[in-house]
Amino acid sequence: MGKVIFDHSGEEREVLDGDLIAPICEESGVPFACTEGVCGTCVIEVVEGMEQLSAFTQEEEDFLGDQGKERLACQCRLKSGVIKIRF
């Protein structure tokens, strides 16, 4: 079991290892539109724990380009551990 911490509120949500983070992100206020990685509405900044997320998808590479601190919440799976995000 892993955890997502929302930087703006301090809210902490548990996520099963290997699950998408999209559902809890949406419940916590991250805006979503297409959920397919092409619109960019759900861009988040990973403040801590980038290594705890799944590898960048092709959709993320196409939309975001550089693999910096930004990810698309609809494309990320939490491998394990804790991440802190900002949106």
Protein backbone atom coordinates (compact mmCIF):
# COMPACT_ATOMS: atom_id res chain seq x y z
CA MET A 1 0.00 0.00 0.00
CA GLY A 2 1.34 3.41 -0.98
CA LYS A 3 0.33 6.97 -0.24
CA VAL A 4 -0.26 10.19 -2.19
CA ILE A 5 0.17 13.45 -0.29
CA PHE A 6 -1.38 16.60 -1.76
CA ASP A 7 1.02 19.48 -1.15
CA HIS A 8 -1.59 22.25 -1.13
CA SER A 9 -3.80 20.71 1.57
CA GLY A 10 -1.63 18.13 3.33
CA GLU A 11 -4.32 15.54 2.59
CA GLU A 12 -2.99 11.98 2.47
CA ARG A 13 -4.67 9.21 0.47
CA GLU A 14 -3.76 5.53 0.33
CA VAL A 15 -3.35 3.75 -3.00
CA LEU A 16 -2.81 0.06 -3.65
CA ASP A 17 0.58 -0.72 -5.17
CA GLY A 18 0.24 -0.73 -8.96
CA ASP A 19 -3.02 1.25 -9.05
CA LEU A 20 -3.65 4.38 -11.09
CA ILE A 21 -3.52 7.57 -9.02
CA ALA A 22 -6.21 9.23 -11.19
CA PRO A 23 -9.26 8.34 -9.05
CA ILE A 24 -7.89 9.80 -5.83
CA CYS A 25 -6.44 12.79 -7.66
CA GLU A 26 -9.83 13.56 -9.18
CA GLU A 27 -11.54 13.20 -5.78
CA SER A 28 -8.99 15.65 -4.35
CA GLY A 29 -9.57 18.34 -6.98
CA VAL A 30 -7.17 17.63 -9.86
CA PRO A 31 -9.13 18.56 -13.01
CA PHE A 32 -9.65 15.83 -15.61
CA ALA A 33 -11.05 15.85 -19.13
CA CYS A 34 -10.10 13.11 -21.62
CA THR A 35 -8.30 10.66 -19.24
CA GLU A 36 -6.30 9.40 -22.22
CA GLY A 37 -3.15 11.51 -21.89
CA VAL A 38 -3.77 13.86 -24.79
CA CYS A 39 -5.48 16.95 -23.34
CA GLY A 40 -3.07 17.78 -20.50
CA THR A 41 -5.79 18.91 -18.12
CA CYS A 42 -4.51 16.67 -15.32
CA VAL A 43 -0.89 17.86 -15.25
CA ILE A 44 0.58 17.51 -11.77
CA GLU A 45 3.98 18.40 -10.35
CA VAL A 46 5.68 15.61 -8.43
CA VAL A 47 7.31 17.34 -5.46
CA GLU A 48 8.71 14.14 -3.94
CA GLY A 49 8.84 10.48 -4.94
CA MET A 50 9.02 10.51 -8.75
CA GLU A 51 10.84 7.17 -8.56
CA GLN A 52 7.73 5.67 -6.93
CA LEU A 53 5.67 6.20 -10.10
CA SER A 54 5.43 4.06 -13.21
CA ALA A 55 7.60 4.95 -16.21
CA PHE A 56 6.55 7.84 -18.44
CA THR A 57 4.02 6.71 -21.04
CA GLN A 58 4.28 7.61 -24.70
CA GLU A 59 1.33 9.97 -24.21
CA GLU A 60 3.22 11.82 -21.47
CA GLU A 61 6.37 12.03 -23.56
CA ASP A 62 4.35 13.41 -26.49
CA PHE A 63 2.50 15.98 -24.39
CA LEU A 64 5.11 17.00 -21.80
CA GLY A 65 8.30 16.44 -23.78
CA ASP A 66 11.09 16.75 -21.19
CA GLN A 67 10.79 14.25 -18.35
CA GLY A 68 11.08 16.76 -15.55
CA LYS A 69 8.81 17.03 -12.51
CA GLU A 70 5.51 17.11 -14.38
CA ARG A 71 3.34 14.07 -15.03
CA LEU A 72 -0.17 13.42 -16.30
CA ALA A 73 -2.20 12.07 -13.37
CA CYS A 74 -4.33 9.97 -15.72
CA GLN A 75 -1.25 8.01 -16.85
CA CYS A 76 0.55 7.38 -13.54
CA ARG A 77 0.53 4.25 -11.43
CA LEU A 78 2.01 4.22 -7.94
CA LYS A 79 4.55 1.41 -7.74
CA SER A 80 4.87 1.68 -3.95
CA GLY A 81 5.90 4.13 -1.28
CA VAL A 82 4.90 7.75 -0.91
CA ILE A 83 4.64 10.60 -3.40
CA LYS A 84 3.85 14.26 -2.81
CA ILE A 85 2.16 16.16 -5.63
CA ARG A 86 1.08 19.71 -6.43
CA PHE A 87 -1.52 20.84 -8.95
